[in-house]
PDB file of N, CA and C in Angstrom:
ATOM      1  N   UNK A   1     -31.641  35.059  10.445  1.00  0.00           N
ATOM      2  CA  UNK A   1     -31.721  33.777  11.108  1.00  0.00           C
ATOM      3  C   UNK A   1     -30.535  32.935  10.638  1.00  0.00           C
ATOM      4  N   UNK A   2     -29.930  32.187  11.536  1.00  0.00           N
ATOM      5  CA  UNK A   2     -28.729  31.405  11.238  1.00  0.00           C
ATOM      6  C   UNK A   2     -29.026  29.924  11.145  1.00  0.00           C
ATOM      7  N   UNK A   3     -28.237  29.159  11.804  1.00  0.00           N
ATOM      8  CA  UNK A   3     -28.315  27.708  11.768  1.00  0.00           C
ATOM      9  C   UNK A   3     -29.480  27.194  12.614  1.00  0.00           C
ATOM     10  N   UNK A   4     -30.516  26.709  11.985  1.00  0.00           N
ATOM     11  CA  UNK A   4     -31.631  26.099  12.711  1.00  0.00           C
ATOM     12  C   UNK A   4     -32.323  27.029  13.694  1.00  0.00           C
ATOM     13  N   UNK A   5     -32.434  28.287  13.361  1.00  0.00           N
ATOM     14  CA  UNK A   5     -33.129  29.219  14.233  1.00  0.00           C
ATOM     15  C   UNK A   5     -32.228  29.919  15.233  1.00  0.00           C
ATOM     16  N   UNK A   6     -30.922  29.667  15.192  1.00  0.00           N
ATOM     17  CA  UNK A   6     -29.979  30.321  16.103  1.00  0.00           C
ATOM     18  C   UNK A   6     -29.321  31.468  15.341  1.00  0.00           C
ATOM     19  N   UNK A   7     -29.435  32.662  15.880  1.00  0.00           N
ATOM     20  CA  UNK A   7     -28.851  33.821  15.195  1.00  0.00           C
ATOM     21  C   UNK A   7     -27.359  33.919  15.496  1.00  0.00           C
ATOM     22  N   UNK A   8     -26.687  34.746  14.737  1.00  0.00           N
ATOM     23  CA  UNK A   8     -25.251  34.951  14.916  1.00  0.00           C
ATOM     24  C   UNK A   8     -24.971  35.575  16.280  1.00  0.00           C
ATOM     25  N   UNK A   9     -25.872  36.404  16.769  1.00  0.00           N
ATOM     26  CA  UNK A   9     -25.676  37.050  18.072  1.00  0.00           C
ATOM     27  C   UNK A   9     -25.734  36.030  19.204  1.00  0.00           C
ATOM     28  N   UNK A  10     -26.627  35.057  19.097  1.00  0.00           N
ATOM     29  CA  UNK A  10     -26.709  34.015  20.123  1.00  0.00           C
ATOM     30  C   UNK A  10     -25.436  33.176  20.127  1.00  0.00           C
ATOM     31  N   UNK A  11     -24.902  32.872  18.934  1.00  0.00           N
ATOM     32  CA  UNK A  11     -23.652  32.120  18.853  1.00  0.00           C
ATOM     33  C   UNK A  11     -22.487  32.909  19.459  1.00  0.00           C
ATOM     34  N   UNK A  12     -22.441  34.203  19.202  1.00  0.00           N
ATOM     35  CA  UNK A  12     -21.372  35.034  19.760  1.00  0.00           C
ATOM     36  C   UNK A  12     -21.454  35.114  21.282  1.00  0.00           C
ATOM     37  N   UNK A  13     -22.653  35.196  21.814  1.00  0.00           N
ATOM     38  CA  UNK A  13     -22.831  35.238  23.269  1.00  0.00           C
ATOM     39  C   UNK A  13     -22.375  33.926  23.897  1.00  0.00           C
ATOM     40  N   UNK A  14     -22.735  32.798  23.291  1.00  0.00           N
ATOM     41  CA  UNK A  14     -22.303  31.491  23.801  1.00  0.00           C
ATOM     42  C   UNK A  14     -20.783  31.386  23.734  1.00  0.00           C
ATOM     43  N   UNK A  15     -20.172  31.821  22.625  1.00  0.00           N
ATOM     44  CA  UNK A  15     -18.723  31.797  22.494  1.00  0.00           C
ATOM     45  C   UNK A  15     -18.050  32.658  23.562  1.00  0.00           C
ATOM     46  N   UNK A  16     -18.591  33.826  23.837  1.00  0.00           N
ATOM     47  CA  UNK A  16     -18.049  34.704  24.863  1.00  0.00           C
ATOM     48  C   UNK A  16     -18.119  34.055  26.244  1.00  0.00           C
ATOM     49  N   UNK A  17     -19.226  33.411  26.547  1.00  0.00           N
ATOM     50  CA  UNK A  17     -19.376  32.731  27.843  1.00  0.00           C
ATOM     51  C   UNK A  17     -18.373  31.583  27.965  1.00  0.00           C
ATOM     52  N   UNK A  18     -18.186  30.823  26.882  1.00  0.00           N
ATOM     53  CA  UNK A  18     -17.221  29.714  26.912  1.00  0.00           C
ATOM     54  C   UNK A  18     -15.813  30.243  27.140  1.00  0.00           C
ATOM     55  N   UNK A  19     -15.446  31.336  26.480  1.00  0.00           N
ATOM     56  CA  UNK A  19     -14.114  31.920  26.661  1.00  0.00           C
ATOM     57  C   UNK A  19     -13.956  32.434  28.094  1.00  0.00           C
ATOM     58  N   UNK A  20     -14.987  33.052  28.650  1.00  0.00           N
ATOM     59  CA  UNK A  20     -14.903  33.549  30.019  1.00  0.00           C
ATOM     60  C   UNK A  20     -14.779  32.408  31.036  1.00  0.00           C
ATOM     61  N   UNK A  21     -15.472  31.309  30.796  1.00  0.00           N
ATOM     62  CA  UNK A  21     -15.449  30.193  31.745  1.00  0.00           C
ATOM     63  C   UNK A  21     -14.136  29.430  31.663  1.00  0.00           C
ATOM     64  N   UNK A  22     -13.687  29.086  30.461  1.00  0.00           N
ATOM     65  CA  UNK A  22     -12.516  28.235  30.318  1.00  0.00           C
ATOM     66  C   UNK A  22     -11.215  29.007  30.118  1.00  0.00           C
ATOM     67  N   UNK A  23     -11.279  30.168  29.544  1.00  0.00           N
ATOM     68  CA  UNK A  23     -10.068  30.939  29.278  1.00  0.00           C
ATOM     69  C   UNK A  23      -9.444  30.539  27.950  1.00  0.00           C
ATOM     70  N   UNK A  24      -8.726  31.469  27.366  1.00  0.00           N
ATOM     71  CA  UNK A  24      -8.156  31.226  26.039  1.00  0.00           C
ATOM     72  C   UNK A  24      -7.035  30.200  26.079  1.00  0.00           C
ATOM     73  N   UNK A  25      -6.284  30.146  27.166  1.00  0.00           N
ATOM     74  CA  UNK A  25      -5.161  29.209  27.244  1.00  0.00           C
ATOM     75  C   UNK A  25      -5.660  27.764  27.260  1.00  0.00           C
ATOM     76  N   UNK A  26      -6.694  27.493  28.025  1.00  0.00           N
ATOM     77  CA  UNK A  26      -7.241  26.140  28.083  1.00  0.00           C
ATOM     78  C   UNK A  26      -7.905  25.749  26.760  1.00  0.00           C
ATOM     79  N   UNK A  27      -8.603  26.689  26.119  1.00  0.00           N
ATOM     80  CA  UNK A  27      -9.224  26.401  24.820  1.00  0.00           C
ATOM     81  C   UNK A  27      -8.167  26.144  23.748  1.00  0.00           C
ATOM     82  N   UNK A  28      -7.046  26.868  23.803  1.00  0.00           N
ATOM     83  CA  UNK A  28      -5.969  26.637  22.853  1.00  0.00           C
ATOM     84  C   UNK A  28      -5.373  25.244  23.052  1.00  0.00           C
ATOM     85  N   UNK A  29      -5.162  24.864  24.293  1.00  0.00           N
ATOM     86  CA  UNK A  29      -4.647  23.521  24.583  1.00  0.00           C
ATOM     87  C   UNK A  29      -5.602  22.433  24.143  1.00  0.00           C
ATOM     88  N   UNK A  30      -6.888  22.659  24.343  1.00  0.00           N
ATOM     89  CA  UNK A  30      -7.896  21.693  23.919  1.00  0.00           C
ATOM     90  C   UNK A  30      -7.908  21.553  22.403  1.00  0.00           C
ATOM     91  N   UNK A  31      -7.796  22.659  21.691  1.00  0.00           N
ATOM     92  CA  UNK A  31      -7.747  22.618  20.231  1.00  0.00           C
ATOM     93  C   UNK A  31      -6.507  21.909  19.725  1.00  0.00           C
ATOM     94  N   UNK A  32      -5.382  22.138  20.385  1.00  0.00           N
ATOM     95  CA  UNK A  32      -4.130  21.480  19.998  1.00  0.00           C
ATOM     96  C   UNK A  32      -4.232  19.969  20.214  1.00  0.00           C
ATOM     97  N   UNK A  33      -4.771  19.566  21.365  1.00  0.00           N
ATOM     98  CA  UNK A  33      -4.927  18.138  21.654  1.00  0.00           C
ATOM     99  C   UNK A  33      -5.886  17.466  20.683  1.00  0.00           C
ATOM    100  N   UNK A  34      -6.978  18.135  20.383  1.00  0.00           N
ATOM    101  CA  UNK A  34      -7.960  17.581  19.455  1.00  0.00           C
ATOM    102  C   UNK A  34      -7.371  17.457  18.046  1.00  0.00           C
ATOM    103  N   UNK A  35      -6.630  18.451  17.613  1.00  0.00           N
ATOM    104  CA  UNK A  35      -5.983  18.397  16.302  1.00  0.00           C
ATOM    105  C   UNK A  35      -4.957  17.277  16.223  1.00  0.00           C
ATOM    106  N   UNK A  36      -4.179  17.096  17.276  1.00  0.00           N
ATOM    107  CA  UNK A  36      -3.191  16.016  17.296  1.00  0.00           C
ATOM    108  C   UNK A  36      -3.846  14.643  17.272  1.00  0.00           C
ATOM    109  N   UNK A  37      -4.962  14.505  17.988  1.00  0.00           N
ATOM    110  CA  UNK A  37      -5.674  13.227  17.999  1.00  0.00           C
ATOM    111  C   UNK A  37      -6.244  12.912  16.617  1.00  0.00           C
ATOM    112  N   UNK A  38      -6.824  13.893  15.960  1.00  0.00           N
ATOM    113  CA  UNK A  38      -7.358  13.680  14.615  1.00  0.00           C
ATOM    114  C   UNK A  38      -6.244  13.354  13.622  1.00  0.00           C
ATOM    115  N   UNK A  39      -5.121  14.022  13.749  1.00  0.00           N
ATOM    116  CA  UNK A  39      -3.997  13.780  12.854  1.00  0.00           C
ATOM    117  C   UNK A  39      -3.466  12.352  13.006  1.00  0.00           C
ATOM    118  N   UNK A  40      -3.322  11.888  14.245  1.00  0.00           N
ATOM    119  CA  UNK A  40      -2.821  10.528  14.447  1.00  0.00           C
ATOM    120  C   UNK A  40      -3.860   9.489  14.029  1.00  0.00           C
ATOM    121  N   UNK A  41      -5.145   9.796  14.193  1.00  0.00           N
ATOM    122  CA  UNK A  41      -6.195   8.885  13.746  1.00  0.00           C
ATOM    123  C   UNK A  41      -6.161   8.729  12.232  1.00  0.00           C
ATOM    124  N   UNK A  42      -6.044   9.835  11.507  1.00  0.00           N
ATOM    125  CA  UNK A  42      -5.968   9.784  10.048  1.00  0.00           C
ATOM    126  C   UNK A  42      -4.721   9.030   9.580  1.00  0.00           C
ATOM    127  N   UNK A  43      -3.603   9.244  10.277  1.00  0.00           N
ATOM    128  CA  UNK A  43      -2.370   8.547   9.926  1.00  0.00           C
ATOM    129  C   UNK A  43      -2.536   7.044  10.112  1.00  0.00           C
ATOM    130  N   UNK A  44      -3.176   6.626  11.204  1.00  0.00           N
ATOM    131  CA  UNK A  44      -3.391   5.199  11.457  1.00  0.00           C
ATOM    132  C   UNK A  44      -4.324   4.596  10.414  1.00  0.00           C
ATOM    133  N   UNK A  45      -5.353   5.325  10.014  1.00  0.00           N
ATOM    134  CA  UNK A  45      -6.281   4.838   8.996  1.00  0.00           C
ATOM    135  C   UNK A  45      -5.556   4.675   7.665  1.00  0.00           C
ATOM    136  N   UNK A  46      -4.732   5.651   7.292  1.00  0.00           N
ATOM    137  CA  UNK A  46      -3.992   5.572   6.027  1.00  0.00           C
ATOM    138  C   UNK A  46      -2.989   4.434   6.041  1.00  0.00           C
ATOM    139  N   UNK A  47      -2.336   4.196   7.174  1.00  0.00           N
ATOM    140  CA  UNK A  47      -1.382   3.094   7.277  1.00  0.00           C
ATOM    141  C   UNK A  47      -2.095   1.750   7.194  1.00  0.00           C
ATOM    142  N   UNK A  48      -3.271   1.652   7.785  1.00  0.00           N
ATOM    143  CA  UNK A  48      -4.025   0.401   7.743  1.00  0.00           C
ATOM    144  C   UNK A  48      -4.505   0.110   6.325  1.00  0.00           C
ATOM    145  N   UNK A  49      -4.856   1.140   5.574  1.00  0.00           N
ATOM    146  CA  UNK A  49      -5.306   0.949   4.193  1.00  0.00           C
ATOM    147  C   UNK A  49      -4.160   0.553   3.273  1.00  0.00           C
ATOM    148  N   UNK A  50      -2.936   1.009   3.569  1.00  0.00           N
ATOM    149  CA  UNK A  50      -1.813   0.723   2.694  1.00  0.00           C
ATOM    150  C   UNK A  50      -1.219  -0.666   2.941  1.00  0.00           C
ATOM    151  N   UNK A  51      -1.471  -1.278   4.093  1.00  0.00           N
ATOM    152  CA  UNK A  51      -0.948  -2.611   4.379  1.00  0.00           C
ATOM    153  C   UNK A  51      -1.739  -3.654   3.595  1.00  0.00           C
ATOM    154  N   UNK A  52      -1.068  -4.724   3.142  1.00  0.00           N
ATOM    155  CA  UNK A  52      -1.809  -5.780   2.438  1.00  0.00           C
ATOM    156  C   UNK A  52      -2.724  -6.518   3.408  1.00  0.00           C
ATOM    157  N   UNK A  53      -3.840  -6.951   2.895  1.00  0.00           N
ATOM    158  CA  UNK A  53      -4.796  -7.675   3.723  1.00  0.00           C
ATOM    159  C   UNK A  53      -4.266  -9.079   3.963  1.00  0.00           C
ATOM    160  N   UNK A  54      -4.398  -9.551   5.178  1.00  0.00           N
ATOM    161  CA  UNK A  54      -3.939 -10.901   5.479  1.00  0.00           C
ATOM    162  C   UNK A  54      -5.137 -11.754   5.861  1.00  0.00           C
ATOM    163  N   UNK A  55      -4.973 -13.056   5.723  1.00  0.00           N
ATOM    164  CA  UNK A  55      -6.043 -13.982   6.049  1.00  0.00           C
ATOM    165  C   UNK A  55      -5.725 -14.674   7.358  1.00  0.00           C
ATOM    166  N   UNK A  56      -6.748 -15.145   8.017  1.00  0.00           N
ATOM    167  CA  UNK A  56      -6.563 -15.938   9.219  1.00  0.00           C
ATOM    168  C   UNK A  56      -6.515 -17.399   8.835  1.00  0.00           C
ATOM    169  N   UNK A  57      -5.626 -18.148   9.454  1.00  0.00           N
ATOM    170  CA  UNK A  57      -5.559 -19.585   9.212  1.00  0.00           C
ATOM    171  C   UNK A  57      -6.584 -20.281  10.077  1.00  0.00           C
ATOM    172  N   UNK A  58      -6.681 -21.590   9.963  1.00  0.00           N
ATOM    173  CA  UNK A  58      -7.676 -22.351  10.709  1.00  0.00           C
ATOM    174  C   UNK A  58      -7.486 -22.232  12.226  1.00  0.00           C
ATOM    175  N   UNK A  59      -6.249 -22.103  12.671  1.00  0.00           N
ATOM    176  CA  UNK A  59      -6.013 -22.022  14.111  1.00  0.00           C
ATOM    177  C   UNK A  59      -6.145 -20.601  14.657  1.00  0.00           C
ATOM    178  N   UNK A  60      -6.502 -19.623  13.807  1.00  0.00           N
ATOM    179  CA  UNK A  60      -6.747 -18.260  14.261  1.00  0.00           C
ATOM    180  C   UNK A  60      -5.544 -17.355  14.155  1.00  0.00           C
ATOM    181  N   UNK A  61      -4.377 -17.884  13.774  1.00  0.00           N
ATOM    182  CA  UNK A  61      -3.203 -17.036  13.622  1.00  0.00           C
ATOM    183  C   UNK A  61      -3.204 -16.409  12.230  1.00  0.00           C
ATOM    184  N   UNK A  62      -2.549 -15.267  12.133  1.00  0.00           N
ATOM    185  CA  UNK A  62      -2.531 -14.563  10.853  1.00  0.00           C
ATOM    186  C   UNK A  62      -1.519 -15.183   9.909  1.00  0.00           C
ATOM    187  N   UNK A  63      -1.895 -15.258   8.673  1.00  0.00           N
ATOM    188  CA  UNK A  63      -0.999 -15.723   7.629  1.00  0.00           C
ATOM    189  C   UNK A  63      -0.510 -14.510   6.858  1.00  0.00           C
ATOM    190  N   UNK A  64       0.690 -14.530   6.358  1.00  0.00           N
ATOM    191  CA  UNK A  64       1.221 -13.399   5.600  1.00  0.00           C
ATOM    192  C   UNK A  64       0.747 -13.427   4.157  1.00  0.00           C
ATOM    193  N   UNK A  65      -0.058 -14.392   3.828  1.00  0.00           N
ATOM    194  CA  UNK A  65      -0.564 -14.542   2.470  1.00  0.00           C
ATOM    195  C   UNK A  65      -1.630 -13.493   2.199  1.00  0.00           C
ATOM    196  N   UNK A  66      -1.523 -12.830   1.070  1.00  0.00           N
ATOM    197  CA  UNK A  66      -2.505 -11.810   0.735  1.00  0.00           C
ATOM    198  C   UNK A  66      -3.727 -12.443   0.081  1.00  0.00           C
ATOM    199  N   UNK A  67      -4.793 -11.693   0.034  1.00  0.00           N
ATOM    200  CA  UNK A  67      -6.023 -12.173  -0.592  1.00  0.00           C
ATOM    201  C   UNK A  67      -5.795 -12.413  -2.073  1.00  0.00           C
ATOM    202  N   UNK A  68      -5.023 -11.539  -2.718  1.00  0.00           N
ATOM    203  CA  UNK A  68      -4.756 -11.702  -4.146  1.00  0.00           C
ATOM    204  C   UNK A  68      -3.973 -12.981  -4.397  1.00  0.00           C
ATOM    205  N   UNK A  69      -3.034 -13.323  -3.536  1.00  0.00           N
ATOM    206  CA  UNK A  69      -2.279 -14.563  -3.694  1.00  0.00           C
ATOM    207  C   UNK A  69      -3.177 -15.779  -3.595  1.00  0.00           C
ATOM    208  N   UNK A  70      -4.157 -15.737  -2.715  1.00  0.00           N
ATOM    209  CA  UNK A  70      -5.101 -16.847  -2.581  1.00  0.00           C
ATOM    210  C   UNK A  70      -5.960 -16.940  -3.837  1.00  0.00           C
ATOM    211  N   UNK A  71      -6.343 -15.827  -4.400  1.00  0.00           N
ATOM    212  CA  UNK A  71      -7.157 -15.844  -5.630  1.00  0.00           C
ATOM    213  C   UNK A  71      -6.368 -16.411  -6.789  1.00  0.00           C
ATOM    214  N   UNK A  72      -5.080 -16.089  -6.866  1.00  0.00           N
ATOM    215  CA  UNK A  72      -4.249 -16.596  -7.945  1.00  0.00           C
ATOM    216  C   UNK A  72      -4.147 -18.115  -7.885  1.00  0.00           C
ATOM    217  N   UNK A  73      -4.043 -18.664  -6.681  1.00  0.00           N
ATOM    218  CA  UNK A  73      -3.950 -20.113  -6.549  1.00  0.00           C
ATOM    219  C   UNK A  73      -5.254 -20.788  -6.946  1.00  0.00           C
ATOM    220  N   UNK A  74      -6.373 -20.164  -6.667  1.00  0.00           N
ATOM    221  CA  UNK A  74      -7.681 -20.737  -7.011  1.00  0.00           C
ATOM    222  C   UNK A  74      -7.850 -20.727  -8.523  1.00  0.00           C
ATOM    223  N   UNK A  75      -7.420 -19.676  -9.184  1.00  0.00           N
ATOM    224  CA  UNK A  75      -7.573 -19.556 -10.629  1.00  0.00           C
ATOM    225  C   UNK A  75      -6.708 -20.565 -11.406  1.00  0.00           C
ATOM    226  N   UNK A  76      -5.577 -20.964 -10.853  1.00  0.00           N
ATOM    227  CA  UNK A  76      -4.678 -21.860 -11.597  1.00  0.00           C
ATOM    228  C   UNK A  76      -4.981 -23.315 -11.402  1.00  0.00           C
TER     229      UNK A  76
END
């Protein structure tokens, strides 16, 4: 017995049907597109984490002041 009551043979049959319906060329393209999308998503997340956090001013525009800079002013 495999994953949640599905045997390995049932998974192989489903995989065979998917390959017959879509073809290997289309599945390869789908895998390439999905991999590229995940790669760019991870890159965007990493870039967003590396940027300093900015605060919004009263009028809704972004200030280049970081949160740490605001904390330093409060402490002094």
